[in-house]
Amino acid sequence: MLAYVFWHWRSPTVEKTDYQKHIIDFQETLGTHKPGGFQYSTVFEIEHAPWSEGVGEVYEEWYVLDNSAALDALNEAAVTGPCKELHNRVARDAAGEIAGLYGLYAGTSGLATARVARWFSKPSGMTYENFHGILQPEVQQAAGTLWQRQMTLGPTPEFRWHSLQDHSLPEIFVCLKVPLTQIWSGLERTP
C-alpha cells in the first residue's frame, strides 16, 4: 500500500472557509469518480509544517493507493473530466505546495482515525531490523500506523507515525509532533 501525500497552503487573499470547501468539493468528486487503484483519501489541517515556507495552517491530503501504478491513474483523474475545474480552483487559490510518496511500513492504514502524527528519522547507525523490532510493539500497542518515505521523495523525515491518541515513542526517536484536524475523509466510500 502506498500513499501520495500533498501539502498545500492557501493564498492570504483566500478565505479559509472557501478554501476548505473547494478542497472538499474536489475530494468528493474524486471519490465519486475513483480511478483504478485509488482506495480513498483523507484531508487534515495542521498548524504548520517546517517545509511550508513559514505559513500558518497547512492542508495535508493523503491519497491511499494499491500500488505505484495507481499514481498515473490518480494523476490523470485529478486534472481531467469532472475533477478538472475543481482541481484548478484549489490550485489557483494555493500559495504553495509540496508532495511526497509513502509506503505503509507497519500497522493498517488507520488514517481515518488519526489525530496525532509524529515525524522522525531512523537513528544513525541503527539497522532497519532493529528499528522495526523496537517500533513493531509500539504500533500494535497503540493501534498506530507507520509510513516510510519512498525513494527519498519529499521534504520530510523518513517516517510518519499516525495514532488516535498521543502515544509517545521511545526516547531514541527525536520526533516532530503534529496534531491533526481531519476536515474530510473518503474512507466510508471504500467497500
Protein backbone atom coordinates (compact mmCIF):
# COMPACT_ATOMS: atom_id res chain seq x y z
CA MET A 1 0.00 0.00 0.00
CA LEU A 2 1.25 3.47 -0.92
CA ALA A 3 0.13 6.99 -0.11
CA TYR A 4 0.67 10.08 -2.18
CA VAL A 5 0.80 12.97 0.31
CA PHE A 6 0.22 16.53 -0.84
CA TRP A 7 0.73 19.57 1.40
CA HIS A 8 -0.56 22.97 0.35
CA TRP A 9 -1.45 26.28 1.91
CA ARG A 10 -3.84 28.98 0.82
CA SER A 11 -3.09 32.39 -0.52
CA PRO A 12 -3.68 35.08 2.13
CA THR A 13 -6.30 36.63 -0.17
CA VAL A 14 -8.48 33.49 0.01
CA GLU A 15 -10.87 32.91 2.89
CA LYS A 16 -10.21 29.76 4.92
CA THR A 17 -13.83 28.52 4.71
CA ASP A 18 -13.85 28.95 0.93
CA TYR A 19 -10.53 27.14 0.55
CA GLN A 20 -11.70 24.21 2.67
CA LYS A 21 -14.97 24.00 0.75
CA HIS A 22 -13.08 23.86 -2.54
CA ILE A 23 -10.84 21.08 -1.19
CA ILE A 24 -13.88 19.08 -0.06
CA ASP A 25 -15.70 19.61 -3.38
CA PHE A 26 -12.67 18.23 -5.22
CA GLN A 27 -12.30 15.28 -2.82
CA GLU A 28 -15.97 14.33 -3.06
CA THR A 29 -15.87 14.42 -6.86
CA LEU A 30 -12.68 12.36 -6.99
CA GLY A 31 -14.25 9.85 -4.59
CA THR A 32 -17.31 9.58 -6.81
CA HIS A 33 -15.13 9.06 -9.92
CA LYS A 34 -12.47 6.83 -8.39
CA PRO A 35 -9.60 5.92 -10.70
CA GLY A 36 -8.26 2.37 -10.69
CA GLY A 37 -6.04 1.54 -7.72
CA PHE A 38 -7.27 4.51 -5.66
CA GLN A 39 -8.64 3.37 -2.29
CA TYR A 40 -9.58 6.60 -0.52
CA SER A 41 -8.29 10.00 0.56
CA THR A 42 -8.21 11.91 3.82
CA VAL A 43 -7.52 15.60 4.35
CA PHE A 44 -6.06 17.09 7.52
CA GLU A 45 -5.47 20.64 8.58
CA ILE A 46 -2.23 21.03 10.51
CA GLU A 47 -0.94 24.16 12.24
CA HIS A 48 2.26 24.31 10.25
CA ALA A 49 4.87 22.18 8.58
CA PRO A 50 8.59 23.01 8.56
CA TRP A 51 8.59 22.73 4.76
CA SER A 52 5.65 25.14 4.26
CA GLU A 53 7.58 28.39 3.97
CA GLY A 54 6.60 29.50 7.49
CA VAL A 55 2.89 29.97 6.77
CA GLY A 56 0.11 29.17 9.23
CA GLU A 57 -2.29 26.31 8.58
CA VAL A 58 -1.32 23.71 6.04
CA TYR A 59 -3.58 21.17 4.35
CA GLU A 60 -2.30 17.63 4.14
CA GLU A 61 -4.05 15.34 1.66
CA TRP A 62 -3.35 11.59 1.86
CA TYR A 63 -4.30 9.56 -1.22
CA VAL A 64 -4.12 5.86 -0.36
CA LEU A 65 -3.28 3.69 -3.36
CA ASP A 66 -2.94 -0.02 -4.11
CA ASN A 67 0.49 0.42 -5.68
CA SER A 68 2.70 2.76 -7.67
CA ALA A 69 0.85 2.02 -10.93
CA ALA A 70 -2.19 3.74 -9.40
CA LEU A 71 -0.28 7.04 -9.32
CA ASP A 72 -0.73 7.51 -13.06
CA ALA A 73 -4.47 6.90 -12.86
CA LEU A 74 -4.81 9.25 -9.88
CA ASN A 75 -2.82 11.98 -11.60
CA GLU A 76 -4.94 11.70 -14.74
CA ALA A 77 -8.27 11.64 -12.87
CA ALA A 78 -7.35 14.64 -10.69
CA VAL A 79 -6.78 17.01 -13.62
CA THR A 80 -9.33 15.84 -16.21
CA GLY A 81 -13.04 15.18 -16.53
CA PRO A 82 -15.31 16.16 -13.64
CA CYS A 83 -12.34 16.89 -11.32
CA LYS A 84 -10.53 19.28 -13.65
CA GLU A 85 -12.13 22.59 -12.74
CA LEU A 86 -12.38 21.70 -9.05
CA HIS A 87 -8.67 20.82 -9.01
CA ASN A 88 -7.79 24.02 -10.86
CA ARG A 89 -9.82 26.13 -8.42
CA VAL A 90 -7.85 24.81 -5.42
CA ALA A 91 -4.58 25.18 -7.35
CA ARG A 92 -5.37 28.83 -8.18
CA ASP A 93 -6.08 29.58 -4.52
CA ALA A 94 -2.93 27.88 -3.20
CA ALA A 95 0.12 29.93 -2.26
CA GLY A 96 2.44 26.91 -2.29
CA GLU A 97 2.60 23.15 -2.29
CA ILE A 98 4.92 20.17 -1.94
CA ALA A 99 4.40 16.40 -2.05
CA GLY A 100 5.86 13.03 -1.15
CA LEU A 101 5.28 9.31 -1.57
CA TYR A 102 4.98 6.91 1.38
CA GLY A 103 4.75 3.16 1.78
CA LEU A 104 2.93 1.52 4.68
CA TYR A 105 5.71 0.16 6.91
CA ALA A 106 3.70 -1.29 9.83
CA GLY A 107 0.10 -1.40 11.04
CA THR A 108 -3.02 -0.81 9.00
CA SER A 109 -3.59 2.42 7.14
CA GLY A 110 -5.54 3.97 10.08
CA LEU A 111 -5.75 7.45 8.59
CA ALA A 112 -9.46 7.92 9.22
CA THR A 113 -8.97 7.84 12.99
CA ALA A 114 -5.59 9.58 13.24
CA ARG A 115 -5.48 12.66 15.45
CA VAL A 116 -1.74 12.88 16.12
CA ALA A 117 1.26 12.41 13.85
CA ARG A 118 4.94 12.22 14.62
CA TRP A 119 7.68 12.71 12.06
CA PHE A 120 11.09 11.19 12.76
CA SER A 121 14.10 9.53 11.21
CA LYS A 122 15.78 6.23 11.97
CA PRO A 123 18.67 6.94 14.35
CA SER A 124 22.04 6.95 12.62
CA GLY A 125 23.76 3.58 12.84
CA MET A 126 20.59 1.66 13.70
CA THR A 127 19.71 -1.17 11.34
CA TYR A 128 16.23 -1.32 9.85
CA GLU A 129 15.85 -4.73 11.52
CA ASN A 130 16.47 -3.20 14.98
CA PHE A 131 14.32 -0.20 14.10
CA HIS A 132 11.43 -2.47 13.14
CA GLY A 133 11.92 -4.60 16.26
CA ILE A 134 11.65 -1.55 18.51
CA LEU A 135 8.64 0.01 16.78
CA GLN A 136 6.52 -3.05 15.95
CA PRO A 137 5.30 -3.48 19.58
CA GLU A 138 4.55 0.27 19.71
CA VAL A 139 2.46 0.02 16.55
CA GLN A 140 0.50 -2.91 17.98
CA GLN A 141 0.02 -1.37 21.44
CA ALA A 142 -1.23 1.98 20.16
CA ALA A 143 -3.09 0.64 17.10
CA GLY A 144 -0.97 3.12 15.18
CA THR A 145 0.42 3.08 11.68
CA LEU A 146 3.89 3.76 10.44
CA TRP A 147 4.59 5.08 6.96
CA GLN A 148 8.02 5.28 5.32
CA ARG A 149 9.02 7.87 2.75
CA GLN A 150 9.82 6.19 -0.57
CA MET A 151 12.75 6.88 -2.86
CA THR A 152 13.66 9.92 -0.70
CA LEU A 153 10.82 11.87 -2.31
CA GLY A 154 9.53 14.73 -0.23
CA PRO A 155 10.94 17.15 2.33
CA THR A 156 10.02 15.23 5.44
CA PRO A 157 11.90 12.96 7.82
CA GLU A 158 11.84 9.33 6.72
CA PHE A 159 9.00 8.06 8.93
CA ARG A 160 5.49 9.20 9.82
CA TRP A 161 3.59 7.71 12.76
CA HIS A 162 -0.20 8.09 13.00
CA SER A 163 -2.32 7.33 16.04
CA LEU A 164 -5.64 8.22 17.57
CA GLN A 165 -4.10 9.02 20.97
CA ASP A 166 -0.95 10.95 21.77
CA HIS A 167 1.24 7.87 22.09
CA SER A 168 4.87 8.71 22.85
CA LEU A 169 7.57 6.77 21.07
CA PRO A 170 10.80 5.61 22.73
CA GLU A 171 13.18 8.49 23.52
CA ILE A 172 15.75 7.33 20.97
CA PHE A 173 13.45 8.74 18.30
CA VAL A 174 13.53 12.52 18.04
CA CYS A 175 10.02 13.37 16.87
CA LEU A 176 8.22 16.36 15.46
CA LYS A 177 4.70 16.08 16.90
CA VAL A 178 1.88 17.34 14.67
CA PRO A 179 -1.74 17.49 15.89
CA LEU A 180 -4.16 16.58 13.10
CA THR A 181 -7.59 18.03 12.47
CA GLN A 182 -9.43 15.98 9.89
CA ILE A 183 -11.53 18.12 7.57
CA TRP A 184 -12.58 15.34 5.20
CA SER A 185 -12.35 11.59 4.80
CA GLY A 186 -13.44 9.44 1.91
CA LEU A 187 -12.86 6.20 3.80
CA GLU A 188 -16.57 5.45 4.02
CA ARG A 189 -16.62 5.24 0.22
CA THR A 190 -14.41 2.16 0.15
CA PRO A 191 -16.02 -1.28 0.06
